[in-house]
Amino acid sequence: MSSIRQQKIESAIRTELAGFFIRNGREICLGSMVTVTNVRITSDLSLARCYLSIYNTDKKEAVLENINLNKGKIKSEVSTRLKNMRKSPALTFFIDDSLDYAMKIDELLKKK
């Protein structure tokens, strides 16, 4: 169970990451559409796990690898926009497959 402070920081990071991917999506996301589905931050606020959905591509792993290569640029821009935080958390990015899994389950249920 995360505290109210953690929830506010998660929401702020999610908003800033979404804005970053809108502004810089072409070069970093290799032309794919990337949405930030969830952000989870540790209790000591040192690590943020960012879950991304990647659309319009078959090369999800390549897009995620390119995002991880540009992690420093992403963190610096997000931290400059989050001025009320003393120390910016380290960002780790993961592919969120929950939507794909839900669609797969839905297709299986329609078959029966």
PDB file of N, CA and C in Angstrom:
ATOM      1  N   MET A   1       0.845  -1.186   0.000  1.00  0.00           N
ATOM      2  CA  MET A   1       0.000   0.000   0.000  1.00  0.00           C
ATOM      3  C   MET A   1       0.882   1.239   0.000  1.00  0.00           C
ATOM      4  N   SER A   2       0.735   2.043  -0.990  1.00  0.00           N
ATOM      5  CA  SER A   2       1.574   3.231  -1.083  1.00  0.00           C
ATOM      6  C   SER A   2       0.915   4.409  -0.364  1.00  0.00           C
ATOM      7  N   SER A   3       1.757   5.288   0.131  1.00  0.00           N
ATOM      8  CA  SER A   3       1.268   6.454   0.857  1.00  0.00           C
ATOM      9  C   SER A   3       0.718   7.494  -0.119  1.00  0.00           C
ATOM     10  N   ILE A   4       0.078   8.492   0.430  1.00  0.00           N
ATOM     11  CA  ILE A   4      -0.479   9.557  -0.402  1.00  0.00           C
ATOM     12  C   ILE A   4       0.642  10.294  -1.127  1.00  0.00           C
ATOM     13  N   ARG A   5       1.762  10.498  -0.442  1.00  0.00           N
ATOM     14  CA  ARG A   5       2.906  11.171  -1.075  1.00  0.00           C
ATOM     15  C   ARG A   5       3.416  10.356  -2.264  1.00  0.00           C
ATOM     16  N   GLN A   6       3.541   9.041  -2.086  1.00  0.00           N
ATOM     17  CA  GLN A   6       3.990   8.188  -3.184  1.00  0.00           C
ATOM     18  C   GLN A   6       3.016   8.268  -4.359  1.00  0.00           C
ATOM     19  N   GLN A   7       1.728   8.238  -4.069  1.00  0.00           N
ATOM     20  CA  GLN A   7       0.731   8.300  -5.133  1.00  0.00           C
ATOM     21  C   GLN A   7       0.815   9.614  -5.903  1.00  0.00           C
ATOM     22  N   LYS A   8       1.033  10.716  -5.199  1.00  0.00           N
ATOM     23  CA  LYS A   8       1.161  12.017  -5.867  1.00  0.00           C
ATOM     24  C   LYS A   8       2.406  12.067  -6.747  1.00  0.00           C
ATOM     25  N   ILE A   9       3.507  11.524  -6.241  1.00  0.00           N
ATOM     26  CA  ILE A   9       4.747  11.517  -7.023  1.00  0.00           C
ATOM     27  C   ILE A   9       4.607  10.603  -8.236  1.00  0.00           C
ATOM     28  N   GLU A  10       3.973   9.435  -8.056  1.00  0.00           N
ATOM     29  CA  GLU A  10       3.738   8.531  -9.181  1.00  0.00           C
ATOM     30  C   GLU A  10       2.910   9.219 -10.265  1.00  0.00           C
ATOM     31  N   SER A  11       1.875   9.919  -9.850  1.00  0.00           N
ATOM     32  CA  SER A  11       1.024  10.622 -10.804  1.00  0.00           C
ATOM     33  C   SER A  11       1.795  11.727 -11.530  1.00  0.00           C
ATOM     34  N   ALA A  12       2.614  12.466 -10.796  1.00  0.00           N
ATOM     35  CA  ALA A  12       3.399  13.544 -11.413  1.00  0.00           C
ATOM     36  C   ALA A  12       4.410  12.980 -12.407  1.00  0.00           C
ATOM     37  N   ILE A  13       5.073  11.897 -12.044  1.00  0.00           N
ATOM     38  CA  ILE A  13       6.048  11.275 -12.949  1.00  0.00           C
ATOM     39  C   ILE A  13       5.346  10.738 -14.189  1.00  0.00           C
ATOM     40  N   ARG A  14       4.187  10.090 -14.000  1.00  0.00           N
ATOM     41  CA  ARG A  14       3.432   9.554 -15.130  1.00  0.00           C
ATOM     42  C   ARG A  14       3.043  10.683 -16.094  1.00  0.00           C
ATOM     43  N   THR A  15       2.581  11.802 -15.557  1.00  0.00           N
ATOM     44  CA  THR A  15       2.189  12.942 -16.387  1.00  0.00           C
ATOM     45  C   THR A  15       3.378  13.512 -17.155  1.00  0.00           C
ATOM     46  N   GLU A  16       4.508  13.676 -16.470  1.00  0.00           N
ATOM     47  CA  GLU A  16       5.692  14.244 -17.128  1.00  0.00           C
ATOM     48  C   GLU A  16       6.275  13.294 -18.167  1.00  0.00           C
ATOM     49  N   LEU A  17       6.258  11.986 -17.880  1.00  0.00           N
ATOM     50  CA  LEU A  17       6.738  11.015 -18.870  1.00  0.00           C
ATOM     51  C   LEU A  17       5.853  11.020 -20.112  1.00  0.00           C
ATOM     52  N   ALA A  18       4.543  11.089 -19.906  1.00  0.00           N
ATOM     53  CA  ALA A  18       3.623  11.127 -21.048  1.00  0.00           C
ATOM     54  C   ALA A  18       3.899  12.357 -21.906  1.00  0.00           C
ATOM     55  N   GLY A  19       4.100  13.493 -21.266  1.00  0.00           N
ATOM     56  CA  GLY A  19       4.429  14.709 -22.010  1.00  0.00           C
ATOM     57  C   GLY A  19       5.751  14.593 -22.742  1.00  0.00           C
ATOM     58  N   PHE A  20       6.722  13.952 -22.106  1.00  0.00           N
ATOM     59  CA  PHE A  20       8.026  13.764 -22.748  1.00  0.00           C
ATOM     60  C   PHE A  20       7.889  12.911 -24.005  1.00  0.00           C
ATOM     61  N   PHE A  21       7.127  11.814 -23.910  1.00  0.00           N
ATOM     62  CA  PHE A  21       6.974  10.938 -25.073  1.00  0.00           C
ATOM     63  C   PHE A  21       6.162  11.607 -26.181  1.00  0.00           C
ATOM     64  N   ILE A  22       5.281  12.531 -25.821  1.00  0.00           N
ATOM     65  CA  ILE A  22       4.555  13.282 -26.850  1.00  0.00           C
ATOM     66  C   ILE A  22       5.510  14.231 -27.571  1.00  0.00           C
ATOM     67  N   ARG A  23       6.349  14.929 -26.807  1.00  0.00           N
ATOM     68  CA  ARG A  23       7.264  15.911 -27.403  1.00  0.00           C
ATOM     69  C   ARG A  23       8.413  15.256 -28.163  1.00  0.00           C
ATOM     70  N   ASN A  24       8.968  14.170 -27.635  1.00  0.00           N
ATOM     71  CA  ASN A  24      10.184  13.574 -28.204  1.00  0.00           C
ATOM     72  C   ASN A  24       9.964  12.152 -28.716  1.00  0.00           C
ATOM     73  N   GLY A  25       8.747  11.805 -29.022  1.00  0.00           N
ATOM     74  CA  GLY A  25       8.421  10.430 -29.382  1.00  0.00           C
ATOM     75  C   GLY A  25       9.031   9.934 -30.671  1.00  0.00           C
ATOM     76  N   ARG A  26       9.191  10.818 -31.634  1.00  0.00           N
ATOM     77  CA  ARG A  26       9.679  10.355 -32.940  1.00  0.00           C
ATOM     78  C   ARG A  26      11.089   9.796 -32.873  1.00  0.00           C
ATOM     79  N   GLU A  27      11.986  10.521 -32.211  1.00  0.00           N
ATOM     80  CA  GLU A  27      13.372  10.056 -32.215  1.00  0.00           C
ATOM     81  C   GLU A  27      13.623   8.947 -31.197  1.00  0.00           C
ATOM     82  N   ILE A  28      13.010   9.022 -30.039  1.00  0.00           N
ATOM     83  CA  ILE A  28      13.300   8.036 -28.995  1.00  0.00           C
ATOM     84  C   ILE A  28      12.471   6.770 -29.171  1.00  0.00           C
ATOM     85  N   CYS A  29      11.224   6.920 -29.594  1.00  0.00           N
ATOM     86  CA  CYS A  29      10.323   5.768 -29.703  1.00  0.00           C
ATOM     87  C   CYS A  29      10.323   5.132 -31.083  1.00  0.00           C
ATOM     88  N   LEU A  30      11.220   5.552 -31.948  1.00  0.00           N
ATOM     89  CA  LEU A  30      11.385   4.972 -33.286  1.00  0.00           C
ATOM     90  C   LEU A  30      10.087   4.984 -34.087  1.00  0.00           C
ATOM     91  N   GLY A  31       9.303   6.054 -33.945  1.00  0.00           N
ATOM     92  CA  GLY A  31       8.069   6.195 -34.702  1.00  0.00           C
ATOM     93  C   GLY A  31       6.879   5.461 -34.125  1.00  0.00           C
ATOM     94  N   SER A  32       7.042   4.777 -33.012  1.00  0.00           N
ATOM     95  CA  SER A  32       5.939   4.057 -32.388  1.00  0.00           C
ATOM     96  C   SER A  32       5.199   4.965 -31.419  1.00  0.00           C
ATOM     97  N   MET A  33       3.966   4.594 -31.130  1.00  0.00           N
ATOM     98  CA  MET A  33       3.205   5.326 -30.132  1.00  0.00           C
ATOM     99  C   MET A  33       3.438   4.656 -28.777  1.00  0.00           C
ATOM    100  N   VAL A  34       3.881   5.429 -27.799  1.00  0.00           N
ATOM    101  CA  VAL A  34       4.173   4.906 -26.465  1.00  0.00           C
ATOM    102  C   VAL A  34       3.289   5.619 -25.461  1.00  0.00           C
ATOM    103  N   THR A  35       2.612   4.842 -24.622  1.00  0.00           N
ATOM    104  CA  THR A  35       1.823   5.418 -23.538  1.00  0.00           C
ATOM    105  C   THR A  35       2.354   4.901 -22.212  1.00  0.00           C
ATOM    106  N   VAL A  36       2.282   5.736 -21.203  1.00  0.00           N
ATOM    107  CA  VAL A  36       2.711   5.363 -19.857  1.00  0.00           C
ATOM    108  C   VAL A  36       1.473   4.842 -19.139  1.00  0.00           C
ATOM    109  N   THR A  37       1.437   3.537 -18.880  1.00  0.00           N
ATOM    110  CA  THR A  37       0.248   2.956 -18.265  1.00  0.00           C
ATOM    111  C   THR A  37       0.291   3.005 -16.750  1.00  0.00           C
ATOM    112  N   ASN A  38       1.476   2.911 -16.177  1.00  0.00           N
ATOM    113  CA  ASN A  38       1.569   2.881 -14.725  1.00  0.00           C
ATOM    114  C   ASN A  38       2.969   3.284 -14.292  1.00  0.00           C
ATOM    115  N   VAL A  39       3.057   3.869 -13.110  1.00  0.00           N
ATOM    116  CA  VAL A  39       4.339   4.179 -12.484  1.00  0.00           C
ATOM    117  C   VAL A  39       4.234   3.749 -11.032  1.00  0.00           C
ATOM    118  N   ARG A  40       5.195   2.976 -10.575  1.00  0.00           N
ATOM    119  CA  ARG A  40       5.264   2.546  -9.174  1.00  0.00           C
ATOM    120  C   ARG A  40       6.589   3.013  -8.617  1.00  0.00           C
ATOM    121  N   ILE A  41       6.550   3.659  -7.452  1.00  0.00           N
ATOM    122  CA  ILE A  41       7.761   4.187  -6.836  1.00  0.00           C
ATOM    123  C   ILE A  41       7.990   3.474  -5.512  1.00  0.00           C
ATOM    124  N   THR A  42       9.249   3.238  -5.178  1.00  0.00           N
ATOM    125  CA  THR A  42       9.578   2.562  -3.926  1.00  0.00           C
ATOM    126  C   THR A  42       9.304   3.485  -2.747  1.00  0.00           C
ATOM    127  N   SER A  43       9.240   2.904  -1.562  1.00  0.00           N
ATOM    128  CA  SER A  43       8.894   3.686  -0.371  1.00  0.00           C
ATOM    129  C   SER A  43       9.950   4.730  -0.028  1.00  0.00           C
ATOM    130  N   ASP A  44      11.212   4.486  -0.407  1.00  0.00           N
ATOM    131  CA  ASP A  44      12.252   5.489  -0.147  1.00  0.00           C
ATOM    132  C   ASP A  44      12.393   6.496  -1.297  1.00  0.00           C
ATOM    133  N   LEU A  45      11.518   6.408  -2.284  1.00  0.00           N
ATOM    134  CA  LEU A  45      11.445   7.333  -3.426  1.00  0.00           C
ATOM    135  C   LEU A  45      12.719   7.356  -4.267  1.00  0.00           C
ATOM    136  N   SER A  46      13.461   6.261  -4.274  1.00  0.00           N
ATOM    137  CA  SER A  46      14.714   6.232  -5.023  1.00  0.00           C
ATOM    138  C   SER A  46      14.591   5.549  -6.385  1.00  0.00           C
ATOM    139  N   LEU A  47      13.543   4.756  -6.592  1.00  0.00           N
ATOM    140  CA  LEU A  47      13.394   4.006  -7.834  1.00  0.00           C
ATOM    141  C   LEU A  47      11.943   4.064  -8.298  1.00  0.00           C
ATOM    142  N   ALA A  48      11.751   4.416  -9.550  1.00  0.00           N
ATOM    143  CA  ALA A  48      10.413   4.440 -10.148  1.00  0.00           C
ATOM    144  C   ALA A  48      10.368   3.412 -11.270  1.00  0.00           C
ATOM    145  N   ARG A  49       9.422   2.487 -11.169  1.00  0.00           N
ATOM    146  CA  ARG A  49       9.213   1.490 -12.220  1.00  0.00           C
ATOM    147  C   ARG A  49       8.119   2.022 -13.135  1.00  0.00           C
ATOM    148  N   CYS A  50       8.466   2.223 -14.392  1.00  0.00           N
ATOM    149  CA  CYS A  50       7.549   2.827 -15.357  1.00  0.00           C
ATOM    150  C   CYS A  50       7.114   1.757 -16.353  1.00  0.00           C
ATOM    151  N   TYR A  51       5.805   1.541 -16.450  1.00  0.00           N
ATOM    152  CA  TYR A  51       5.258   0.531 -17.339  1.00  0.00           C
ATOM    153  C   TYR A  51       4.702   1.219 -18.581  1.00  0.00           C
ATOM    154  N   LEU A  52       5.164   0.773 -19.743  1.00  0.00           N
ATOM    155  CA  LEU A  52       4.830   1.408 -21.014  1.00  0.00           C
ATOM    156  C   LEU A  52       4.083   0.439 -21.919  1.00  0.00           C
ATOM    157  N   SER A  53       3.093   0.963 -22.636  1.00  0.00           N
ATOM    158  CA  SER A  53       2.452   0.216 -23.714  1.00  0.00           C
ATOM    159  C   SER A  53       2.978   0.785 -25.023  1.00  0.00           C
ATOM    160  N   ILE A  54       3.434  -0.098 -25.894  1.00  0.00           N
ATOM    161  CA  ILE A  54       4.029   0.319 -27.163  1.00  0.00           C
ATOM    162  C   ILE A  54       3.135  -0.194 -28.287  1.00  0.00           C
ATOM    163  N   TYR A  55       2.641   0.738 -29.114  1.00  0.00           N
ATOM    164  CA  TYR A  55       1.708   0.408 -30.186  1.00  0.00           C
ATOM    165  C   TYR A  55       2.340   0.682 -31.545  1.00  0.00           C
ATOM    166  N   ASN A  56       1.692   0.161 -32.581  1.00  0.00           N
ATOM    167  CA  ASN A  56       2.050   0.408 -33.985  1.00  0.00           C
ATOM    168  C   ASN A  56       3.431  -0.120 -34.358  1.00  0.00           C
ATOM    169  N   THR A  57       3.857  -1.188 -33.739  1.00  0.00           N
ATOM    170  CA  THR A  57       5.154  -1.746 -34.112  1.00  0.00           C
ATOM    171  C   THR A  57       5.223  -3.220 -33.727  1.00  0.00           C
ATOM    172  N   ASP A  58       6.064  -3.930 -34.452  1.00  0.00           N
ATOM    173  CA  ASP A  58       6.365  -5.311 -34.099  1.00  0.00           C
ATOM    174  C   ASP A  58       7.676  -5.390 -33.334  1.00  0.00           C
ATOM    175  N   LYS A  59       8.374  -4.262 -33.224  1.00  0.00           N
ATOM    176  CA  LYS A  59       9.693  -4.227 -32.585  1.00  0.00           C
ATOM    177  C   LYS A  59       9.612  -3.589 -31.198  1.00  0.00           C
ATOM    178  N   LYS A  60       8.785  -4.148 -30.332  1.00  0.00           N
ATOM    179  CA  LYS A  60       8.611  -3.574 -28.996  1.00  0.00           C
ATOM    180  C   LYS A  60       9.904  -3.599 -28.199  1.00  0.00           C
ATOM    181  N   GLU A  61      10.646  -4.691 -28.311  1.00  0.00           N
ATOM    182  CA  GLU A  61      11.904  -4.810 -27.561  1.00  0.00           C
ATOM    183  C   GLU A  61      12.929  -3.779 -28.037  1.00  0.00           C
ATOM    184  N   ALA A  62      12.974  -3.521 -29.338  1.00  0.00           N
ATOM    185  CA  ALA A  62      13.912  -2.524 -29.865  1.00  0.00           C
ATOM    186  C   ALA A  62      13.546  -1.124 -29.384  1.00  0.00           C
ATOM    187  N   VAL A  63      12.253  -0.831 -29.329  1.00  0.00           N
ATOM    188  CA  VAL A  63      11.805   0.476 -28.834  1.00  0.00           C
ATOM    189  C   VAL A  63      12.159   0.614 -27.361  1.00  0.00           C
ATOM    190  N   LEU A  64      11.903  -0.440 -26.579  1.00  0.00           N
ATOM    191  CA  LEU A  64      12.232  -0.403 -25.150  1.00  0.00           C
ATOM    192  C   LEU A  64      13.735  -0.251 -24.942  1.00  0.00           C
ATOM    193  N   GLU A  65      14.531  -0.919 -25.755  1.00  0.00           N
ATOM    194  CA  GLU A  65      15.989  -0.797 -25.653  1.00  0.00           C
ATOM    195  C   GLU A  65      16.441   0.631 -25.960  1.00  0.00           C
ATOM    196  N   ASN A  66      15.839   1.257 -26.970  1.00  0.00           N
ATOM    197  CA  ASN A  66      16.185   2.636 -27.306  1.00  0.00           C
ATOM    198  C   ASN A  66      15.761   3.596 -26.192  1.00  0.00           C
ATOM    199  N   ILE A  67      14.626   3.327 -25.575  1.00  0.00           N
ATOM    200  CA  ILE A  67      14.191   4.149 -24.440  1.00  0.00           C
ATOM    201  C   ILE A  67      15.184   4.005 -23.295  1.00  0.00           C
ATOM    202  N   ASN A  68      15.637   2.785 -23.039  1.00  0.00           N
ATOM    203  CA  ASN A  68      16.615   2.570 -21.967  1.00  0.00           C
ATOM    204  C   ASN A  68      17.958   3.214 -22.287  1.00  0.00           C
ATOM    205  N   LEU A  69      18.331   3.276 -23.567  1.00  0.00           N
ATOM    206  CA  LEU A  69      19.569   3.961 -23.944  1.00  0.00           C
ATOM    207  C   LEU A  69      19.479   5.463 -23.685  1.00  0.00           C
ATOM    208  N   ASN A  70      18.281   6.013 -23.777  1.00  0.00           N
ATOM    209  CA  ASN A  70      18.060   7.448 -23.561  1.00  0.00           C
ATOM    210  C   ASN A  70      17.510   7.744 -22.169  1.00  0.00           C
ATOM    211  N   LYS A  71      17.703   6.823 -21.247  1.00  0.00           N
ATOM    212  CA  LYS A  71      17.171   6.961 -19.891  1.00  0.00           C
ATOM    213  C   LYS A  71      17.684   8.217 -19.192  1.00  0.00           C
ATOM    214  N   GLY A  72      18.942   8.561 -19.403  1.00  0.00           N
ATOM    215  CA  GLY A  72      19.519   9.749 -18.778  1.00  0.00           C
ATOM    216  C   GLY A  72      18.850  11.028 -19.251  1.00  0.00           C
ATOM    217  N   LYS A  73      18.615  11.125 -20.548  1.00  0.00           N
ATOM    218  CA  LYS A  73      17.936  12.298 -21.106  1.00  0.00           C
ATOM    219  C   LYS A  73      16.514  12.399 -20.566  1.00  0.00           C
ATOM    220  N   ILE A  74      15.835  11.265 -20.490  1.00  0.00           N
ATOM    221  CA  ILE A  74      14.459  11.250 -19.988  1.00  0.00           C
ATOM    222  C   ILE A  74      14.426  11.680 -18.529  1.00  0.00           C
ATOM    223  N   LYS A  75      15.338  11.118 -17.721  1.00  0.00           N
ATOM    224  CA  LYS A  75      15.364  11.455 -16.297  1.00  0.00           C
ATOM    225  C   LYS A  75      15.675  12.930 -16.081  1.00  0.00           C
ATOM    226  N   SER A  76      16.618  13.472 -16.843  1.00  0.00           N
ATOM    227  CA  SER A  76      16.980  14.877 -16.643  1.00  0.00           C
ATOM    228  C   SER A  76      15.824  15.805 -16.998  1.00  0.00           C
ATOM    229  N   GLU A  77      15.105  15.500 -18.072  1.00  0.00           N
ATOM    230  CA  GLU A  77      13.979  16.366 -18.434  1.00  0.00           C
ATOM    231  C   GLU A  77      12.832  16.241 -17.434  1.00  0.00           C
ATOM    232  N   VAL A  78      12.556  15.023 -16.986  1.00  0.00           N
ATOM    233  CA  VAL A  78      11.486  14.835 -16.000  1.00  0.00           C
ATOM    234  C   VAL A  78      11.852  15.521 -14.689  1.00  0.00           C
ATOM    235  N   SER A  79      13.106  15.396 -14.270  1.00  0.00           N
ATOM    236  CA  SER A  79      13.507  15.994 -12.991  1.00  0.00           C
ATOM    237  C   SER A  79      13.511  17.519 -13.050  1.00  0.00           C
ATOM    238  N   THR A  80      13.803  18.109 -14.207  1.00  0.00           N
ATOM    239  CA  THR A  80      13.741  19.573 -14.293  1.00  0.00           C
ATOM    240  C   THR A  80      12.305  20.070 -14.224  1.00  0.00           C
ATOM    241  N   ARG A  81      11.368  19.271 -14.677  1.00  0.00           N
ATOM    242  CA  ARG A  81       9.963  19.669 -14.614  1.00  0.00           C
ATOM    243  C   ARG A  81       9.360  19.411 -13.235  1.00  0.00           C
ATOM    244  N   LEU A  82       9.934  18.480 -12.484  1.00  0.00           N
ATOM    245  CA  LEU A  82       9.464  18.200 -11.116  1.00  0.00           C
ATOM    246  C   LEU A  82      10.357  18.961 -10.149  1.00  0.00           C
ATOM    247  N   LYS A  83      10.116  20.220 -10.004  1.00  0.00           N
ATOM    248  CA  LYS A  83      11.003  21.074  -9.220  1.00  0.00           C
ATOM    249  C   LYS A  83      10.835  20.902  -7.717  1.00  0.00           C
ATOM    250  N   ASN A  84       9.713  20.343  -7.271  1.00  0.00           N
ATOM    251  CA  ASN A  84       9.475  20.243  -5.839  1.00  0.00           C
ATOM    252  C   ASN A  84      10.137  19.024  -5.200  1.00  0.00           C
ATOM    253  N   MET A  85      10.805  18.205  -5.984  1.00  0.00           N
ATOM    254  CA  MET A  85      11.483  17.028  -5.436  1.00  0.00           C
ATOM    255  C   MET A  85      12.962  17.331  -5.233  1.00  0.00           C
ATOM    256  N   ARG A  86      13.456  16.960  -4.072  1.00  0.00           N
ATOM    257  CA  ARG A  86      14.867  17.190  -3.768  1.00  0.00           C
ATOM    258  C   ARG A  86      15.749  16.306  -4.637  1.00  0.00           C
ATOM    259  N   LYS A  87      15.402  15.024  -4.708  1.00  0.00           N
ATOM    260  CA  LYS A  87      16.180  14.074  -5.497  1.00  0.00           C
ATOM    261  C   LYS A  87      15.235  13.313  -6.418  1.00  0.00           C
ATOM    262  N   SER A  88      15.589  13.253  -7.658  1.00  0.00           N
ATOM    263  CA  SER A  88      14.768  12.565  -8.641  1.00  0.00           C
ATOM    264  C   SER A  88      15.036  11.061  -8.584  1.00  0.00           C
ATOM    265  N   PRO A  89      13.993  10.219  -8.654  1.00  0.00           N
ATOM    266  CA  PRO A  89      14.213   8.770  -8.598  1.00  0.00           C
ATOM    267  C   PRO A  89      14.812   8.234  -9.895  1.00  0.00           C
ATOM    268  N   ALA A  90      15.509   7.118  -9.782  1.00  0.00           N
ATOM    269  CA  ALA A  90      16.014   6.420 -10.966  1.00  0.00           C
ATOM    270  C   ALA A  90      14.820   5.796 -11.684  1.00  0.00           C
ATOM    271  N   LEU A  91      14.828   5.861 -12.996  1.00  0.00           N
ATOM    272  CA  LEU A  91      13.714   5.342 -13.786  1.00  0.00           C
ATOM    273  C   LEU A  91      14.100   4.009 -14.412  1.00  0.00           C
ATOM    274  N   THR A  92      13.222   3.024 -14.276  1.00  0.00           N
ATOM    275  CA  THR A  92      13.379   1.762 -14.989  1.00  0.00           C
ATOM    276  C   THR A  92      12.117   1.550 -15.809  1.00  0.00           C
ATOM    277  N   PHE A  93      12.283   1.088 -17.034  1.00  0.00           N
ATOM    278  CA  PHE A  93      11.162   0.965 -17.950  1.00  0.00           C
ATOM    279  C   PHE A  93      10.879  -0.498 -18.246  1.00  0.00           C
ATOM    280  N   PHE A  94       9.589  -0.830 -18.300  1.00  0.00           N
ATOM    281  CA  PHE A  94       9.125  -2.179 -18.585  1.00  0.00           C
ATOM    282  C   PHE A  94       7.987  -2.098 -19.594  1.00  0.00           C
ATOM    283  N   ILE A  95       7.834  -3.156 -20.393  1.00  0.00           N
ATOM    284  CA  ILE A  95       6.698  -3.242 -21.307  1.00  0.00           C
ATOM    285  C   ILE A  95       5.510  -3.771 -20.523  1.00  0.00           C
ATOM    286  N   ASP A  96       4.379  -3.083 -20.627  1.00  0.00           N
ATOM    287  CA  ASP A  96       3.151  -3.497 -19.960  1.00  0.00           C
ATOM    288  C   ASP A  96       2.330  -4.316 -20.948  1.00  0.00           C
ATOM    289  N   ASP A  97       2.241  -5.609 -20.703  1.00  0.00           N
ATOM    290  CA  ASP A  97       1.517  -6.508 -21.596  1.00  0.00           C
ATOM    291  C   ASP A  97       0.102  -6.791 -21.124  1.00  0.00           C
ATOM    292  N   SER A  98      -0.393  -6.063 -20.151  1.00  0.00           N
ATOM    293  CA  SER A  98      -1.709  -6.363 -19.588  1.00  0.00           C
ATOM    294  C   SER A  98      -2.823  -6.176 -20.623  1.00  0.00           C
ATOM    295  N   LEU A  99      -2.709  -5.178 -21.496  1.00  0.00           N
ATOM    296  CA  LEU A  99      -3.731  -4.967 -22.514  1.00  0.00           C
ATOM    297  C   LEU A  99      -3.721  -6.104 -23.536  1.00  0.00           C
ATOM    298  N   ASP A 100      -2.543  -6.542 -23.950  1.00  0.00           N
ATOM    299  CA  ASP A 100      -2.445  -7.673 -24.878  1.00  0.00           C
ATOM    300  C   ASP A 100      -3.022  -8.939 -24.251  1.00  0.00           C
ATOM    301  N   TYR A 101      -2.729  -9.137 -22.970  1.00  0.00           N
ATOM    302  CA  TYR A 101      -3.236 -10.306 -22.255  1.00  0.00           C
ATOM    303  C   TYR A 101      -4.762 -10.256 -22.159  1.00  0.00           C
ATOM    304  N   ALA A 102      -5.312  -9.093 -21.877  1.00  0.00           N
ATOM    305  CA  ALA A 102      -6.766  -8.946 -21.776  1.00  0.00           C
ATOM    306  C   ALA A 102      -7.437  -9.209 -23.122  1.00  0.00           C
ATOM    307  N   MET A 103      -6.833  -8.732 -24.212  1.00  0.00           N
ATOM    308  CA  MET A 103      -7.400  -8.978 -25.540  1.00  0.00           C
ATOM    309  C   MET A 103      -7.344 -10.461 -25.889  1.00  0.00           C
ATOM    310  N   LYS A 104      -6.275 -11.130 -25.489  1.00  0.00           N
ATOM    311  CA  LYS A 104      -6.139 -12.563 -25.747  1.00  0.00           C
ATOM    312  C   LYS A 104      -7.209 -13.348 -24.990  1.00  0.00           C
ATOM    313  N   ILE A 105      -7.443 -12.990 -23.734  1.00  0.00           N
ATOM    314  CA  ILE A 105      -8.477 -13.648 -22.929  1.00  0.00           C
ATOM    315  C   ILE A 105      -9.852 -13.389 -23.540  1.00  0.00           C
ATOM    316  N   ASP A 106     -10.089 -12.166 -23.992  1.00  0.00           N
ATOM    317  CA  ASP A 106     -11.367 -11.808 -24.605  1.00  0.00           C
ATOM    318  C   ASP A 106     -11.616 -12.641 -25.858  1.00  0.00           C
ATOM    319  N   GLU A 107     -10.585 -12.825 -26.679  1.00  0.00           N
ATOM    320  CA  GLU A 107     -10.729 -13.647 -27.883  1.00  0.00           C
ATOM    321  C   GLU A 107     -11.041 -15.094 -27.530  1.00  0.00           C
ATOM    322  N   LEU A 108     -10.390 -15.612 -26.495  1.00  0.00           N
ATOM    323  CA  LEU A 108     -10.654 -16.986 -26.072  1.00  0.00           C
ATOM    324  C   LEU A 108     -12.080 -17.148 -25.561  1.00  0.00           C
ATOM    325  N   LEU A 109     -12.580 -16.147 -24.859  1.00  0.00           N
ATOM    326  CA  LEU A 109     -13.951 -16.216 -24.354  1.00  0.00           C
ATOM    327  C   LEU A 109     -14.969 -16.117 -25.483  1.00  0.00           C
ATOM    328  N   LYS A 110     -14.657 -15.363 -26.528  1.00  0.00           N
ATOM    329  CA  LYS A 110     -15.572 -15.241 -27.661  1.00  0.00           C
ATOM    330  C   LYS A 110     -15.656 -16.536 -28.457  1.00  0.00           C
ATOM    331  N   LYS A 111     -14.576 -17.322 -28.473  1.00  0.00           N
ATOM    332  CA  LYS A 111     -14.560 -18.580 -29.210  1.00  0.00           C
ATOM    333  C   LYS A 111     -15.477 -19.616 -28.575  1.00  0.00           C
ATOM    334  N   LYS A 112     -15.628 -19.569 -27.273  1.00  0.00           N
ATOM    335  CA  LYS A 112     -16.420 -20.598 -26.576  1.00  0.00           C
ATOM    336  C   LYS A 112     -17.864 -20.315 -26.583  1.00  0.00           C
TER     337      LYS A 112
END
